[in-house]
């Protein structure tokens, strides 16, 4: 299942793909802001970590 939209928290378009029976998720963030335009894995991970944790917690409600 893919969820796409504009994240007010990240101030950028986001696409999140969840896979059935697989402990994996794909996240794509448009390079609309300077934070995501010129980033590497470590910076992206720090930016997305709390955002993804919040989504995971919300899924258990």
PDB file of N, CA and C in Angstrom:
ATOM      1  N   UNK A   1       0.853  -1.147   0.000  1.00  0.00           N
ATOM      2  CA  UNK A   1       0.000   0.000   0.000  1.00  0.00           C
ATOM      3  C   UNK A   1       0.912   1.227   0.000  1.00  0.00           C
ATOM      4  N   UNK A   2       0.589   2.171  -0.845  1.00  0.00           N
ATOM      5  CA  UNK A   2       1.363   3.400  -0.924  1.00  0.00           C
ATOM      6  C   UNK A   2       0.494   4.581  -0.510  1.00  0.00           C
ATOM      7  N   UNK A   3       1.036   5.401   0.360  1.00  0.00           N
ATOM      8  CA  UNK A   3       0.367   6.613   0.816  1.00  0.00           C
ATOM      9  C   UNK A   3       1.218   7.787   0.350  1.00  0.00           C
ATOM     10  N   UNK A   4       0.585   8.708  -0.358  1.00  0.00           N
ATOM     11  CA  UNK A   4       1.310   9.877  -0.858  1.00  0.00           C
ATOM     12  C   UNK A   4       0.596  11.139  -0.421  1.00  0.00           C
ATOM     13  N   UNK A   5       1.372  12.173  -0.176  1.00  0.00           N
ATOM     14  CA  UNK A   5       0.786  13.454   0.186  1.00  0.00           C
ATOM     15  C   UNK A   5       1.853  14.446   0.579  1.00  0.00           C
ATOM     16  N   UNK A   6       1.402  15.600   1.038  1.00  0.00           N
ATOM     17  CA  UNK A   6       2.311  16.654   1.468  1.00  0.00           C
ATOM     18  C   UNK A   6       2.391  16.632   2.985  1.00  0.00           C
ATOM     19  N   UNK A   7       3.579  16.499   3.517  1.00  0.00           N
ATOM     20  CA  UNK A   7       3.784  16.487   4.956  1.00  0.00           C
ATOM     21  C   UNK A   7       4.025  17.903   5.453  1.00  0.00           C
ATOM     22  N   UNK A   8       3.160  18.370   6.359  1.00  0.00           N
ATOM     23  CA  UNK A   8       3.354  19.691   6.952  1.00  0.00           C
ATOM     24  C   UNK A   8       4.562  19.681   7.887  1.00  0.00           C
ATOM     25  N   UNK A   9       4.845  18.533   8.478  1.00  0.00           N
ATOM     26  CA  UNK A   9       5.982  18.419   9.396  1.00  0.00           C
ATOM     27  C   UNK A   9       7.300  18.549   8.649  1.00  0.00           C
ATOM     28  N   UNK A  10       7.412  17.863   7.505  1.00  0.00           N
ATOM     29  CA  UNK A  10       8.653  17.892   6.723  1.00  0.00           C
ATOM     30  C   UNK A  10       8.662  19.018   5.696  1.00  0.00           C
ATOM     31  N   UNK A  11       7.512  19.610   5.434  1.00  0.00           N
ATOM     32  CA  UNK A  11       7.354  20.659   4.415  1.00  0.00           C
ATOM     33  C   UNK A  11       7.801  20.178   3.041  1.00  0.00           C
ATOM     34  N   UNK A  12       7.397  18.944   2.711  1.00  0.00           N
ATOM     35  CA  UNK A  12       7.775  18.354   1.434  1.00  0.00           C
ATOM     36  C   UNK A  12       6.790  17.239   1.071  1.00  0.00           C
ATOM     37  N   UNK A  13       6.643  16.947  -0.223  1.00  0.00           N
ATOM     38  CA  UNK A  13       5.831  15.805  -0.633  1.00  0.00           C
ATOM     39  C   UNK A  13       6.502  14.501  -0.201  1.00  0.00           C
ATOM     40  N   UNK A  14       5.691  13.551   0.299  1.00  0.00           N
ATOM     41  CA  UNK A  14       6.211  12.281   0.821  1.00  0.00           C
ATOM     42  C   UNK A  14       5.425  11.128   0.220  1.00  0.00           C
ATOM     43  N   UNK A  15       6.106  10.044  -0.070  1.00  0.00           N
ATOM     44  CA  UNK A  15       5.489   8.801  -0.513  1.00  0.00           C
ATOM     45  C   UNK A  15       5.986   7.688   0.400  1.00  0.00           C
ATOM     46  N   UNK A  16       5.045   6.977   1.038  1.00  0.00           N
ATOM     47  CA  UNK A  16       5.393   5.892   1.949  1.00  0.00           C
ATOM     48  C   UNK A  16       4.759   4.611   1.427  1.00  0.00           C
ATOM     49  N   UNK A  17       5.579   3.599   1.158  1.00  0.00           N
ATOM     50  CA  UNK A  17       5.085   2.314   0.673  1.00  0.00           C
ATOM     51  C   UNK A  17       5.271   1.266   1.753  1.00  0.00           C
ATOM     52  N   UNK A  18       4.159   0.664   2.163  1.00  0.00           N
ATOM     53  CA  UNK A  18       4.156  -0.408   3.164  1.00  0.00           C
ATOM     54  C   UNK A  18       3.929  -1.734   2.437  1.00  0.00           C
ATOM     55  N   UNK A  19       4.664  -2.754   2.815  1.00  0.00           N
ATOM     56  CA  UNK A  19       4.576  -4.059   2.159  1.00  0.00           C
ATOM     57  C   UNK A  19       3.868  -5.057   3.066  1.00  0.00           C
ATOM     58  N   UNK A  20       3.008  -5.874   2.476  1.00  0.00           N
ATOM     59  CA  UNK A  20       2.278  -6.899   3.196  1.00  0.00           C
ATOM     60  C   UNK A  20       3.225  -8.024   3.614  1.00  0.00           C
ATOM     61  N   UNK A  21       3.181  -8.395   4.873  1.00  0.00           N
ATOM     62  CA  UNK A  21       3.961  -9.495   5.438  1.00  0.00           C
ATOM     63  C   UNK A  21       5.466  -9.321   5.238  1.00  0.00           C
ATOM     64  N   UNK A  22       5.919  -8.101   5.295  1.00  0.00           N
ATOM     65  CA  UNK A  22       7.339  -7.811   5.150  1.00  0.00           C
ATOM     66  C   UNK A  22       7.689  -6.680   6.110  1.00  0.00           C
ATOM     67  N   UNK A  23       8.758  -6.837   6.837  1.00  0.00           N
ATOM     68  CA  UNK A  23       9.168  -5.823   7.806  1.00  0.00           C
ATOM     69  C   UNK A  23      10.018  -4.760   7.117  1.00  0.00           C
ATOM     70  N   UNK A  24       9.430  -4.111   6.112  1.00  0.00           N
ATOM     71  CA  UNK A  24      10.159  -3.091   5.367  1.00  0.00           C
ATOM     72  C   UNK A  24       9.193  -2.000   4.932  1.00  0.00           C
ATOM     73  N   UNK A  25       9.733  -0.833   4.721  1.00  0.00           N
ATOM     74  CA  UNK A  25       8.963   0.301   4.232  1.00  0.00           C
ATOM     75  C   UNK A  25       9.881   1.124   3.338  1.00  0.00           C
ATOM     76  N   UNK A  26       9.327   1.651   2.254  1.00  0.00           N
ATOM     77  CA  UNK A  26      10.070   2.562   1.384  1.00  0.00           C
ATOM     78  C   UNK A  26       9.513   3.955   1.582  1.00  0.00           C
ATOM     79  N   UNK A  27      10.406   4.913   1.787  1.00  0.00           N
ATOM     80  CA  UNK A  27      10.001   6.309   1.972  1.00  0.00           C
ATOM     81  C   UNK A  27      10.741   7.151   0.945  1.00  0.00           C
ATOM     82  N   UNK A  28       9.974   7.967   0.233  1.00  0.00           N
ATOM     83  CA  UNK A  28      10.550   8.879  -0.746  1.00  0.00           C
ATOM     84  C   UNK A  28      10.112  10.286  -0.387  1.00  0.00           C
ATOM     85  N   UNK A  29      11.066  11.181  -0.285  1.00  0.00           N
ATOM     86  CA  UNK A  29      10.782  12.583   0.020  1.00  0.00           C
ATOM     87  C   UNK A  29      11.314  13.422  -1.131  1.00  0.00           C
ATOM     88  N   UNK A  30      10.456  14.283  -1.660  1.00  0.00           N
ATOM     89  CA  UNK A  30      10.887  15.147  -2.759  1.00  0.00           C
ATOM     90  C   UNK A  30      11.940  16.133  -2.255  1.00  0.00           C
ATOM     91  N   UNK A  31      12.860  16.475  -3.110  1.00  0.00           N
ATOM     92  CA  UNK A  31      13.913  17.424  -2.755  1.00  0.00           C
ATOM     93  C   UNK A  31      13.423  18.858  -2.829  1.00  0.00           C
ATOM     94  N   UNK A  32      12.275  19.133  -2.230  1.00  0.00           N
ATOM     95  CA  UNK A  32      11.658  20.454  -2.313  1.00  0.00           C
ATOM     96  C   UNK A  32      12.296  21.464  -1.371  1.00  0.00           C
ATOM     97  N   UNK A  33      12.952  20.997  -0.339  1.00  0.00           N
ATOM     98  CA  UNK A  33      13.596  21.908   0.607  1.00  0.00           C
ATOM     99  C   UNK A  33      15.096  21.641   0.631  1.00  0.00           C
ATOM    100  N   UNK A  34      15.852  22.587   1.146  1.00  0.00           N
ATOM    101  CA  UNK A  34      17.310  22.444   1.220  1.00  0.00           C
ATOM    102  C   UNK A  34      17.708  21.245   2.072  1.00  0.00           C
ATOM    103  N   UNK A  35      16.889  20.926   3.090  1.00  0.00           N
ATOM    104  CA  UNK A  35      17.199  19.804   3.984  1.00  0.00           C
ATOM    105  C   UNK A  35      17.280  18.485   3.219  1.00  0.00           C
ATOM    106  N   UNK A  36      16.447  18.318   2.203  1.00  0.00           N
ATOM    107  CA  UNK A  36      16.403  17.054   1.472  1.00  0.00           C
ATOM    108  C   UNK A  36      17.052  17.124   0.096  1.00  0.00           C
ATOM    109  N   UNK A  37      17.360  18.309  -0.388  1.00  0.00           N
ATOM    110  CA  UNK A  37      17.918  18.441  -1.731  1.00  0.00           C
ATOM    111  C   UNK A  37      19.334  17.865  -1.810  1.00  0.00           C
ATOM    112  N   UNK A  38      20.196  18.241  -0.905  1.00  0.00           N
ATOM    113  CA  UNK A  38      21.597  17.789  -0.909  1.00  0.00           C
ATOM    114  C   UNK A  38      21.867  17.035   0.382  1.00  0.00           C
ATOM    115  N   UNK A  39      21.371  15.816   0.454  1.00  0.00           N
ATOM    116  CA  UNK A  39      21.518  15.054   1.691  1.00  0.00           C
ATOM    117  C   UNK A  39      22.163  13.702   1.417  1.00  0.00           C
ATOM    118  N   UNK A  40      22.695  13.110   2.445  1.00  0.00           N
ATOM    119  CA  UNK A  40      23.225  11.759   2.353  1.00  0.00           C
ATOM    120  C   UNK A  40      22.385  10.863   3.264  1.00  0.00           C
ATOM    121  N   UNK A  41      22.716   9.606   3.323  1.00  0.00           N
ATOM    122  CA  UNK A  41      21.923   8.647   4.096  1.00  0.00           C
ATOM    123  C   UNK A  41      21.830   9.038   5.570  1.00  0.00           C
ATOM    124  N   UNK A  42      22.941   9.437   6.159  1.00  0.00           N
ATOM    125  CA  UNK A  42      22.956   9.749   7.593  1.00  0.00           C
ATOM    126  C   UNK A  42      22.051  10.941   7.921  1.00  0.00           C
ATOM    127  N   UNK A  43      22.147  12.002   7.130  1.00  0.00           N
ATOM    128  CA  UNK A  43      21.306  13.175   7.366  1.00  0.00           C
ATOM    129  C   UNK A  43      19.826  12.844   7.137  1.00  0.00           C
ATOM    130  N   UNK A  44      19.542  12.081   6.088  1.00  0.00           N
ATOM    131  CA  UNK A  44      18.167  11.683   5.800  1.00  0.00           C
ATOM    132  C   UNK A  44      17.610  10.844   6.939  1.00  0.00           C
ATOM    133  N   UNK A  45      18.425   9.921   7.440  1.00  0.00           N
ATOM    134  CA  UNK A  45      18.000   9.051   8.530  1.00  0.00           C
ATOM    135  C   UNK A  45      17.668   9.860   9.785  1.00  0.00           C
ATOM    136  N   UNK A  46      18.487  10.834  10.117  1.00  0.00           N
ATOM    137  CA  UNK A  46      18.225  11.682  11.289  1.00  0.00           C
ATOM    138  C   UNK A  46      16.938  12.486  11.107  1.00  0.00           C
ATOM    139  N   UNK A  47      16.684  12.955   9.905  1.00  0.00           N
ATOM    140  CA  UNK A  47      15.493  13.749   9.638  1.00  0.00           C
ATOM    141  C   UNK A  47      14.229  12.906   9.711  1.00  0.00           C
ATOM    142  N   UNK A  48      14.318  11.683   9.248  1.00  0.00           N
ATOM    143  CA  UNK A  48      13.126  10.839   9.126  1.00  0.00           C
ATOM    144  C   UNK A  48      12.862   9.946  10.326  1.00  0.00           C
ATOM    145  N   UNK A  49      13.818   9.765  11.189  1.00  0.00           N
ATOM    146  CA  UNK A  49      13.709   8.795  12.282  1.00  0.00           C
ATOM    147  C   UNK A  49      12.492   9.059  13.168  1.00  0.00           C
ATOM    148  N   UNK A  50      12.360  10.235  13.699  1.00  0.00           N
ATOM    149  CA  UNK A  50      11.246  10.550  14.598  1.00  0.00           C
ATOM    150  C   UNK A  50       9.921  10.530  13.836  1.00  0.00           C
ATOM    151  N   UNK A  51       9.926  11.001  12.594  1.00  0.00           N
ATOM    152  CA  UNK A  51       8.722  10.994  11.756  1.00  0.00           C
ATOM    153  C   UNK A  51       8.214   9.569  11.553  1.00  0.00           C
ATOM    154  N   UNK A  52       9.099   8.651  11.201  1.00  0.00           N
ATOM    155  CA  UNK A  52       8.714   7.252  10.961  1.00  0.00           C
ATOM    156  C   UNK A  52       8.309   6.562  12.264  1.00  0.00           C
ATOM    157  N   UNK A  53       8.973   6.873  13.369  1.00  0.00           N
ATOM    158  CA  UNK A  53       8.584   6.305  14.661  1.00  0.00           C
ATOM    159  C   UNK A  53       7.161   6.723  15.026  1.00  0.00           C
ATOM    160  N   UNK A  54       6.819   7.971  14.769  1.00  0.00           N
ATOM    161  CA  UNK A  54       5.465   8.453  15.059  1.00  0.00           C
ATOM    162  C   UNK A  54       4.422   7.739  14.217  1.00  0.00           C
ATOM    163  N   UNK A  55       4.733   7.493  12.953  1.00  0.00           N
ATOM    164  CA  UNK A  55       3.809   6.759  12.089  1.00  0.00           C
ATOM    165  C   UNK A  55       3.636   5.335  12.593  1.00  0.00           C
ATOM    166  N   UNK A  56       4.726   4.689  12.975  1.00  0.00           N
ATOM    167  CA  UNK A  56       4.646   3.309  13.476  1.00  0.00           C
ATOM    168  C   UNK A  56       3.790   3.235  14.735  1.00  0.00           C
ATOM    169  N   UNK A  57       3.986   4.147  15.653  1.00  0.00           N
ATOM    170  CA  UNK A  57       3.193   4.148  16.893  1.00  0.00           C
ATOM    171  C   UNK A  57       1.715   4.376  16.581  1.00  0.00           C
ATOM    172  N   UNK A  58       1.424   5.280  15.653  1.00  0.00           N
ATOM    173  CA  UNK A  58       0.043   5.560  15.294  1.00  0.00           C
ATOM    174  C   UNK A  58      -0.651   4.353  14.650  1.00  0.00           C
ATOM    175  N   UNK A  59       0.105   3.488  14.015  1.00  0.00           N
ATOM    176  CA  UNK A  59      -0.471   2.306  13.363  1.00  0.00           C
ATOM    177  C   UNK A  59      -0.984   1.295  14.383  1.00  0.00           C
ATOM    178  N   UNK A  60      -0.537   1.355  15.611  1.00  0.00           N
ATOM    179  CA  UNK A  60      -0.969   0.406  16.637  1.00  0.00           C
ATOM    180  C   UNK A  60      -2.226   0.863  17.375  1.00  0.00           C
ATOM    181  N   UNK A  61      -2.747   2.022  17.039  1.00  0.00           N
ATOM    182  CA  UNK A  61      -3.955   2.528  17.705  1.00  0.00           C
ATOM    183  C   UNK A  61      -5.181   1.817  17.226  1.00  0.00           C
TER     184      UNK A  61
END
